Amino acid sequence: MSQSPFRHFAPTSRVIYGEGCLDQLAPEIRRMGARRAVVFCGRSLTLANPGLETVKAALGELCAGVFTGVVEQSPVTAVEAAVEALRLHAADAVVVLGGGSAVVSARAATILFGEGKTAQELCTVFEPGKPPRSPKVALPKLPQFVIPTTP
């Protein structure tokens, strides 16, 4: 079986795990040159302890605001509201607290925010008889710091 050559480039990631790991959140954000982080989470983690308040305390003055409108399945309306929160708080970083919907919502909002376009403008276009056409999304994006609460 012959394999075609390929290259894969993955963005740099760092994993910090274990007791006291939240103590590293603010230094990691500063290391990236960011100063205005917006925390993304849903309703359950807004109320949980530990939860949103724990993360806000770990961020201290780096917490520029929160977006607690993450909902299951990351609907476009929720993502658009998240983009507005990033604008409102002049975000230069995103902290994600939660599981799949929080991660997907933050990623989508970061793309829309970075590209300065709507979801409709960035959608892949499918025309009969033609290959799918996807716009380039090459502009810089905000760094994301994910605090997963699911495996």
N, C-alpha and C. Protein backbone atom coordinates (compact mmCIF):
# COMPACT_ATOMS: atom_id res chain seq x y z
N MET A 1 0.84 -1.18 0.00
CA MET A 1 0.00 0.00 0.00
C MET A 1 0.89 1.24 0.00
N SER A 2 0.69 2.08 -0.98
CA SER A 2 1.47 3.29 -1.12
C SER A 2 0.76 4.44 -0.42
N GLN A 3 1.53 5.28 0.25
CA GLN A 3 0.95 6.45 0.91
C GLN A 3 1.46 7.71 0.26
N SER A 4 0.59 8.65 0.08
CA SER A 4 0.99 9.94 -0.46
C SER A 4 1.67 10.75 0.64
N PRO A 5 2.71 11.46 0.31
CA PRO A 5 3.35 12.29 1.33
C PRO A 5 2.42 13.43 1.74
N PHE A 6 2.53 13.85 2.98
CA PHE A 6 1.73 14.98 3.44
C PHE A 6 2.48 15.67 4.57
N ARG A 7 2.03 16.86 4.91
CA ARG A 7 2.56 17.62 6.03
C ARG A 7 1.39 18.04 6.90
N HIS A 8 1.59 18.00 8.18
CA HIS A 8 0.56 18.45 9.12
C HIS A 8 1.21 19.45 10.06
N PHE A 9 0.64 20.64 10.16
CA PHE A 9 1.12 21.66 11.07
C PHE A 9 0.04 21.92 12.10
N ALA A 10 0.35 21.73 13.34
CA ALA A 10 -0.61 21.96 14.41
C ALA A 10 -0.17 23.18 15.22
N PRO A 11 -1.14 23.97 15.66
CA PRO A 11 -0.76 25.11 16.49
C PRO A 11 -0.15 24.63 17.80
N THR A 12 0.69 25.44 18.35
CA THR A 12 1.32 25.10 19.63
C THR A 12 0.26 25.00 20.70
N SER A 13 0.38 23.99 21.53
CA SER A 13 -0.53 23.88 22.66
C SER A 13 0.28 23.48 23.89
N ARG A 14 -0.25 23.86 25.02
CA ARG A 14 0.37 23.52 26.30
C ARG A 14 -0.72 22.95 27.18
N VAL A 15 -0.42 21.87 27.87
CA VAL A 15 -1.39 21.25 28.77
C VAL A 15 -0.85 21.37 30.18
N ILE A 16 -1.66 21.94 31.05
CA ILE A 16 -1.30 22.08 32.46
C ILE A 16 -2.39 21.35 33.23
N TYR A 17 -1.98 20.41 34.06
CA TYR A 17 -2.94 19.53 34.71
C TYR A 17 -2.55 19.35 36.16
N GLY A 18 -3.54 19.16 37.02
CA GLY A 18 -3.29 18.78 38.40
C GLY A 18 -3.64 19.87 39.39
N GLU A 19 -3.42 19.53 40.64
CA GLU A 19 -3.73 20.45 41.72
C GLU A 19 -2.98 21.77 41.53
N GLY A 20 -3.69 22.86 41.68
CA GLY A 20 -3.08 24.18 41.54
C GLY A 20 -2.91 24.65 40.11
N CYS A 21 -3.46 23.91 39.15
CA CYS A 21 -3.25 24.27 37.75
C CYS A 21 -3.87 25.63 37.40
N LEU A 22 -4.94 26.02 38.07
CA LEU A 22 -5.52 27.33 37.78
C LEU A 22 -4.59 28.47 38.15
N ASP A 23 -3.63 28.20 39.03
CA ASP A 23 -2.64 29.23 39.38
C ASP A 23 -1.79 29.61 38.17
N GLN A 24 -1.76 28.75 37.16
CA GLN A 24 -0.97 29.01 35.96
C GLN A 24 -1.75 29.74 34.87
N LEU A 25 -3.07 29.92 35.07
CA LEU A 25 -3.89 30.52 34.03
C LEU A 25 -3.46 31.96 33.72
N ALA A 26 -3.40 32.81 34.71
CA ALA A 26 -3.02 34.21 34.48
C ALA A 26 -1.61 34.32 33.89
N PRO A 27 -0.61 33.61 34.43
CA PRO A 27 0.72 33.70 33.81
C PRO A 27 0.74 33.23 32.35
N GLU A 28 -0.05 32.21 32.01
CA GLU A 28 -0.10 31.75 30.61
C GLU A 28 -0.73 32.80 29.70
N ILE A 29 -1.77 33.45 30.20
CA ILE A 29 -2.40 34.51 29.41
C ILE A 29 -1.42 35.66 29.20
N ARG A 30 -0.73 36.05 30.25
CA ARG A 30 0.27 37.12 30.13
C ARG A 30 1.40 36.71 29.18
N ARG A 31 1.79 35.45 29.22
CA ARG A 31 2.86 34.96 28.35
C ARG A 31 2.50 35.17 26.88
N MET A 32 1.20 35.10 26.56
CA MET A 32 0.74 35.32 25.19
C MET A 32 0.58 36.81 24.87
N GLY A 33 0.85 37.67 25.84
CA GLY A 33 0.73 39.11 25.62
C GLY A 33 -0.69 39.63 25.75
N ALA A 34 -1.58 38.84 26.29
CA ALA A 34 -2.98 39.25 26.44
C ALA A 34 -3.21 39.88 27.81
N ARG A 35 -4.21 40.74 27.88
CA ARG A 35 -4.54 41.45 29.12
C ARG A 35 -6.05 41.54 29.38
N ARG A 36 -6.88 41.13 28.39
CA ARG A 36 -8.33 41.30 28.51
C ARG A 36 -9.03 40.00 28.08
N ALA A 37 -9.15 39.08 29.02
CA ALA A 37 -9.75 37.78 28.72
C ALA A 37 -11.25 37.79 29.00
N VAL A 38 -11.99 37.14 28.11
CA VAL A 38 -13.43 36.94 28.32
C VAL A 38 -13.65 35.46 28.55
N VAL A 39 -14.35 35.14 29.63
CA VAL A 39 -14.63 33.75 30.00
C VAL A 39 -15.95 33.32 29.36
N PHE A 40 -15.93 32.17 28.68
CA PHE A 40 -17.12 31.56 28.08
C PHE A 40 -17.56 30.38 28.92
N CYS A 41 -18.84 30.31 29.25
CA CYS A 41 -19.40 29.12 29.91
C CYS A 41 -20.91 29.16 29.79
N GLY A 42 -21.52 28.08 30.20
CA GLY A 42 -22.98 27.99 30.18
C GLY A 42 -23.54 28.21 31.57
N ARG A 43 -24.85 28.07 31.66
CA ARG A 43 -25.56 28.35 32.91
C ARG A 43 -25.10 27.48 34.08
N SER A 44 -24.90 26.19 33.84
CA SER A 44 -24.57 25.30 34.96
C SER A 44 -23.24 25.68 35.61
N LEU A 45 -22.25 26.06 34.81
CA LEU A 45 -20.96 26.43 35.39
C LEU A 45 -20.95 27.86 35.93
N THR A 46 -21.94 28.65 35.53
CA THR A 46 -22.10 29.98 36.12
C THR A 46 -22.49 29.83 37.58
N LEU A 47 -23.29 28.80 37.87
CA LEU A 47 -23.80 28.58 39.22
C LEU A 47 -22.96 27.61 40.05
N ALA A 48 -22.10 26.84 39.41
CA ALA A 48 -21.35 25.79 40.10
C ALA A 48 -20.26 26.36 41.00
N ASN A 49 -19.89 25.55 41.99
CA ASN A 49 -18.76 25.89 42.85
C ASN A 49 -17.95 24.62 43.07
N PRO A 50 -16.74 24.51 42.53
CA PRO A 50 -16.05 25.54 41.76
C PRO A 50 -16.65 25.69 40.36
N GLY A 51 -16.52 26.87 39.83
CA GLY A 51 -17.06 27.17 38.51
C GLY A 51 -16.58 28.54 38.06
N LEU A 52 -17.49 29.33 37.52
CA LEU A 52 -17.13 30.62 36.95
C LEU A 52 -16.42 31.52 37.96
N GLU A 53 -16.93 31.62 39.17
CA GLU A 53 -16.31 32.52 40.16
C GLU A 53 -14.87 32.09 40.48
N THR A 54 -14.62 30.80 40.47
CA THR A 54 -13.26 30.30 40.71
C THR A 54 -12.32 30.73 39.60
N VAL A 55 -12.79 30.64 38.37
CA VAL A 55 -11.97 31.04 37.22
C VAL A 55 -11.76 32.55 37.22
N LYS A 56 -12.80 33.31 37.50
CA LYS A 56 -12.65 34.77 37.57
C LYS A 56 -11.63 35.16 38.63
N ALA A 57 -11.66 34.49 39.77
CA ALA A 57 -10.69 34.78 40.83
C ALA A 57 -9.27 34.45 40.37
N ALA A 58 -9.11 33.35 39.65
CA ALA A 58 -7.79 32.97 39.14
C ALA A 58 -7.27 34.00 38.13
N LEU A 59 -8.17 34.58 37.36
CA LEU A 59 -7.79 35.58 36.36
C LEU A 59 -7.47 36.93 36.98
N GLY A 60 -8.16 37.28 38.04
CA GLY A 60 -7.97 38.59 38.65
C GLY A 60 -8.26 39.70 37.67
N GLU A 61 -7.34 40.67 37.57
CA GLU A 61 -7.54 41.84 36.71
C GLU A 61 -7.54 41.51 35.23
N LEU A 62 -7.15 40.29 34.86
CA LEU A 62 -7.17 39.89 33.45
C LEU A 62 -8.57 39.54 32.95
N CYS A 63 -9.53 39.40 33.87
CA CYS A 63 -10.90 39.08 33.47
C CYS A 63 -11.59 40.36 33.03
N ALA A 64 -11.75 40.51 31.72
CA ALA A 64 -12.40 41.69 31.17
C ALA A 64 -13.91 41.53 31.14
N GLY A 65 -14.40 40.30 31.19
CA GLY A 65 -15.84 40.07 31.15
C GLY A 65 -16.15 38.60 31.00
N VAL A 66 -17.44 38.30 30.97
CA VAL A 66 -17.87 36.91 30.82
C VAL A 66 -18.98 36.83 29.77
N PHE A 67 -19.05 35.68 29.14
CA PHE A 67 -20.15 35.34 28.26
C PHE A 67 -20.74 34.05 28.78
N THR A 68 -21.93 34.13 29.37
CA THR A 68 -22.56 32.95 29.97
C THR A 68 -23.70 32.41 29.11
N GLY A 69 -23.71 32.80 27.85
CA GLY A 69 -24.76 32.38 26.94
C GLY A 69 -24.47 31.13 26.14
N VAL A 70 -23.48 30.35 26.55
CA VAL A 70 -23.20 29.09 25.85
C VAL A 70 -24.38 28.15 26.07
N VAL A 71 -24.88 27.60 24.97
CA VAL A 71 -25.98 26.63 25.04
C VAL A 71 -25.65 25.41 24.18
N GLU A 72 -26.33 24.33 24.47
CA GLU A 72 -26.11 23.08 23.76
C GLU A 72 -26.25 23.26 22.25
N GLN A 73 -25.37 22.63 21.51
CA GLN A 73 -25.34 22.63 20.05
C GLN A 73 -24.81 23.92 19.43
N SER A 74 -24.44 24.92 20.23
CA SER A 74 -23.81 26.16 19.74
C SER A 74 -24.55 26.79 18.56
N PRO A 75 -25.82 27.16 18.75
CA PRO A 75 -26.55 27.77 17.64
C PRO A 75 -25.91 29.10 17.20
N VAL A 76 -26.11 29.44 15.94
CA VAL A 76 -25.50 30.65 15.38
C VAL A 76 -25.88 31.88 16.20
N THR A 77 -27.12 31.96 16.67
CA THR A 77 -27.53 33.14 17.45
C THR A 77 -26.70 33.29 18.72
N ALA A 78 -26.38 32.18 19.39
CA ALA A 78 -25.56 32.23 20.59
C ALA A 78 -24.12 32.62 20.24
N VAL A 79 -23.61 32.10 19.13
CA VAL A 79 -22.25 32.45 18.70
C VAL A 79 -22.18 33.93 18.36
N GLU A 80 -23.19 34.44 17.67
CA GLU A 80 -23.21 35.87 17.33
C GLU A 80 -23.25 36.73 18.60
N ALA A 81 -23.99 36.30 19.61
CA ALA A 81 -24.02 37.03 20.89
C ALA A 81 -22.64 36.99 21.54
N ALA A 82 -21.94 35.87 21.41
CA ALA A 82 -20.59 35.75 21.96
C ALA A 82 -19.62 36.71 21.27
N VAL A 83 -19.75 36.85 19.95
CA VAL A 83 -18.91 37.79 19.20
C VAL A 83 -19.13 39.20 19.74
N GLU A 84 -20.38 39.55 20.00
CA GLU A 84 -20.68 40.88 20.55
C GLU A 84 -20.04 41.06 21.92
N ALA A 85 -20.02 40.01 22.73
CA ALA A 85 -19.36 40.09 24.05
C ALA A 85 -17.86 40.33 23.88
N LEU A 86 -17.24 39.66 22.90
CA LEU A 86 -15.82 39.88 22.65
C LEU A 86 -15.56 41.34 22.26
N ARG A 87 -16.43 41.88 21.41
CA ARG A 87 -16.30 43.29 21.01
C ARG A 87 -16.51 44.23 22.19
N LEU A 88 -17.59 44.00 22.92
CA LEU A 88 -17.95 44.85 24.05
C LEU A 88 -16.81 44.95 25.07
N HIS A 89 -16.17 43.82 25.32
CA HIS A 89 -15.11 43.78 26.34
C HIS A 89 -13.72 43.99 25.76
N ALA A 90 -13.62 44.31 24.47
CA ALA A 90 -12.33 44.52 23.79
C ALA A 90 -11.37 43.37 24.13
N ALA A 91 -11.87 42.15 23.94
CA ALA A 91 -11.12 40.95 24.32
C ALA A 91 -9.85 40.78 23.50
N ASP A 92 -8.81 40.28 24.17
CA ASP A 92 -7.61 39.86 23.45
C ASP A 92 -7.25 38.41 23.80
N ALA A 93 -8.17 37.73 24.51
CA ALA A 93 -8.01 36.31 24.82
C ALA A 93 -9.38 35.76 25.23
N VAL A 94 -9.53 34.45 25.11
CA VAL A 94 -10.76 33.76 25.49
C VAL A 94 -10.39 32.63 26.44
N VAL A 95 -11.12 32.54 27.54
CA VAL A 95 -10.99 31.42 28.47
C VAL A 95 -12.28 30.63 28.37
N VAL A 96 -12.17 29.35 28.07
CA VAL A 96 -13.33 28.48 27.89
C VAL A 96 -13.45 27.58 29.11
N LEU A 97 -14.60 27.62 29.76
CA LEU A 97 -14.88 26.77 30.90
C LEU A 97 -16.07 25.90 30.53
N GLY A 98 -15.83 24.59 30.40
CA GLY A 98 -16.94 23.71 30.08
C GLY A 98 -16.56 22.58 29.15
N GLY A 99 -17.56 22.08 28.44
CA GLY A 99 -17.37 20.94 27.55
C GLY A 99 -17.47 21.33 26.09
N GLY A 100 -18.02 20.43 25.30
CA GLY A 100 -18.04 20.58 23.85
C GLY A 100 -18.70 21.84 23.34
N SER A 101 -19.89 22.18 23.85
CA SER A 101 -20.58 23.37 23.35
C SER A 101 -19.82 24.64 23.69
N ALA A 102 -19.21 24.69 24.85
CA ALA A 102 -18.42 25.87 25.22
C ALA A 102 -17.21 26.01 24.30
N VAL A 103 -16.54 24.90 24.04
CA VAL A 103 -15.36 24.92 23.17
C VAL A 103 -15.74 25.32 21.75
N VAL A 104 -16.81 24.71 21.23
CA VAL A 104 -17.24 25.01 19.85
C VAL A 104 -17.72 26.46 19.74
N SER A 105 -18.50 26.92 20.71
CA SER A 105 -18.98 28.30 20.67
C SER A 105 -17.84 29.29 20.71
N ALA A 106 -16.87 29.05 21.58
CA ALA A 106 -15.72 29.95 21.68
C ALA A 106 -14.90 29.93 20.40
N ARG A 107 -14.68 28.76 19.85
CA ARG A 107 -13.91 28.66 18.61
C ARG A 107 -14.62 29.39 17.47
N ALA A 108 -15.92 29.18 17.32
CA ALA A 108 -16.68 29.84 16.26
C ALA A 108 -16.69 31.35 16.46
N ALA A 109 -16.92 31.80 17.68
CA ALA A 109 -16.95 33.24 17.95
C ALA A 109 -15.59 33.87 17.69
N THR A 110 -14.53 33.16 18.04
CA THR A 110 -13.18 33.67 17.81
C THR A 110 -12.90 33.81 16.32
N ILE A 111 -13.38 32.86 15.52
CA ILE A 111 -13.19 32.94 14.07
C ILE A 111 -13.96 34.13 13.50
N LEU A 112 -15.23 34.27 13.86
CA LEU A 112 -16.03 35.39 13.35
C LEU A 112 -15.43 36.73 13.80
N PHE A 113 -15.03 36.80 15.05
CA PHE A 113 -14.44 38.02 15.60
C PHE A 113 -13.14 38.37 14.87
N GLY A 114 -12.28 37.37 14.70
CA GLY A 114 -10.99 37.59 14.04
C GLY A 114 -11.11 37.96 12.58
N GLU A 115 -12.05 37.34 11.90
CA GLU A 115 -12.23 37.60 10.47
C GLU A 115 -13.08 38.85 10.22
N GLY A 116 -13.83 39.27 11.23
CA GLY A 116 -14.68 40.44 11.05
C GLY A 116 -15.82 40.19 10.07
N LYS A 117 -16.29 38.94 10.02
CA LYS A 117 -17.37 38.57 9.09
C LYS A 117 -18.44 37.79 9.82
N THR A 118 -19.58 37.64 9.16
CA THR A 118 -20.67 36.85 9.72
C THR A 118 -20.48 35.37 9.41
N ALA A 119 -21.25 34.55 10.11
CA ALA A 119 -21.22 33.11 9.83
C ALA A 119 -21.65 32.84 8.40
N GLN A 120 -22.63 33.58 7.92
CA GLN A 120 -23.12 33.38 6.56
C GLN A 120 -22.02 33.69 5.53
N GLU A 121 -21.21 34.69 5.79
CA GLU A 121 -20.13 35.04 4.87
C GLU A 121 -19.01 34.01 4.87
N LEU A 122 -18.88 33.27 5.96
CA LEU A 122 -17.78 32.31 6.09
C LEU A 122 -18.21 30.86 5.87
N CYS A 123 -19.47 30.64 5.56
CA CYS A 123 -19.96 29.28 5.32
C CYS A 123 -19.37 28.69 4.04
N THR A 124 -19.21 27.39 4.05
CA THR A 124 -18.85 26.67 2.83
C THR A 124 -20.06 26.70 1.91
N VAL A 125 -19.80 26.97 0.62
CA VAL A 125 -20.87 27.05 -0.38
C VAL A 125 -20.86 25.76 -1.20
N PHE A 126 -22.04 25.15 -1.30
CA PHE A 126 -22.21 23.93 -2.09
C PHE A 126 -23.08 24.26 -3.30
N GLU A 127 -22.51 24.15 -4.49
CA GLU A 127 -23.27 24.36 -5.71
C GLU A 127 -23.30 23.04 -6.49
N PRO A 128 -24.48 22.68 -7.00
CA PRO A 128 -24.59 21.42 -7.74
C PRO A 128 -23.55 21.34 -8.87
N GLY A 129 -22.88 20.21 -8.95
CA GLY A 129 -21.91 19.97 -10.01
C GLY A 129 -20.56 20.63 -9.80
N LYS A 130 -20.38 21.31 -8.67
CA LYS A 130 -19.10 21.98 -8.39
C LYS A 130 -18.57 21.51 -7.05
N PRO A 131 -17.26 21.57 -6.88
CA PRO A 131 -16.73 21.20 -5.56
C PRO A 131 -17.11 22.26 -4.52
N PRO A 132 -17.20 21.86 -3.26
CA PRO A 132 -17.51 22.84 -2.21
C PRO A 132 -16.47 23.96 -2.21
N ARG A 133 -16.90 25.16 -1.90
CA ARG A 133 -16.01 26.31 -1.88
C ARG A 133 -16.07 26.94 -0.48
N SER A 134 -14.92 26.96 0.18
CA SER A 134 -14.83 27.53 1.53
C SER A 134 -13.94 28.76 1.51
N PRO A 135 -14.39 29.83 2.15
CA PRO A 135 -13.54 31.02 2.21
C PRO A 135 -12.33 30.78 3.11
N LYS A 136 -11.26 31.48 2.82
CA LYS A 136 -10.06 31.41 3.67
C LYS A 136 -10.34 32.14 4.97
N VAL A 137 -9.84 31.59 6.05
CA VAL A 137 -9.95 32.23 7.36
C VAL A 137 -8.54 32.38 7.92
N ALA A 138 -7.79 33.30 7.34
CA ALA A 138 -6.36 33.41 7.62
C ALA A 138 -5.97 34.55 8.55
N LEU A 139 -6.91 35.38 8.95
CA LEU A 139 -6.56 36.50 9.83
C LEU A 139 -6.27 35.99 11.24
N PRO A 140 -5.50 36.74 12.02
CA PRO A 140 -5.16 36.30 13.38
C PRO A 140 -6.41 36.11 14.25
N LYS A 141 -6.33 35.12 15.12
CA LYS A 141 -7.44 34.82 16.04
C LYS A 141 -6.96 35.01 17.48
N LEU A 142 -7.91 35.23 18.37
CA LEU A 142 -7.59 35.37 19.78
C LEU A 142 -7.08 34.03 20.34
N PRO A 143 -6.09 34.08 21.23
CA PRO A 143 -5.68 32.83 21.87
C PRO A 143 -6.79 32.31 22.79
N GLN A 144 -6.89 30.99 22.86
CA GLN A 144 -7.90 30.35 23.70
C GLN A 144 -7.24 29.50 24.77
N PHE A 145 -7.80 29.59 25.96
CA PHE A 145 -7.32 28.83 27.11
C PHE A 145 -8.51 28.02 27.59
N VAL A 146 -8.42 26.71 27.45
CA VAL A 146 -9.57 25.84 27.70
C VAL A 146 -9.43 25.13 29.04
N ILE A 147 -10.47 25.26 29.84
CA ILE A 147 -10.56 24.55 31.11
C ILE A 147 -11.69 23.54 30.92
N PRO A 148 -11.36 22.32 30.49
CA PRO A 148 -12.41 21.34 30.18
C PRO A 148 -13.03 20.77 31.44
N THR A 149 -14.34 20.56 31.38
CA THR A 149 -15.04 19.94 32.51
C THR A 149 -15.63 18.60 32.14
N THR A 150 -15.29 18.13 30.92
CA THR A 150 -15.74 16.82 30.46
C THR A 150 -14.51 16.07 29.95
N PRO A 151 -14.58 14.74 29.93
CA PRO A 151 -13.40 13.98 29.46
C PRO A 151 -13.19 14.14 27.96
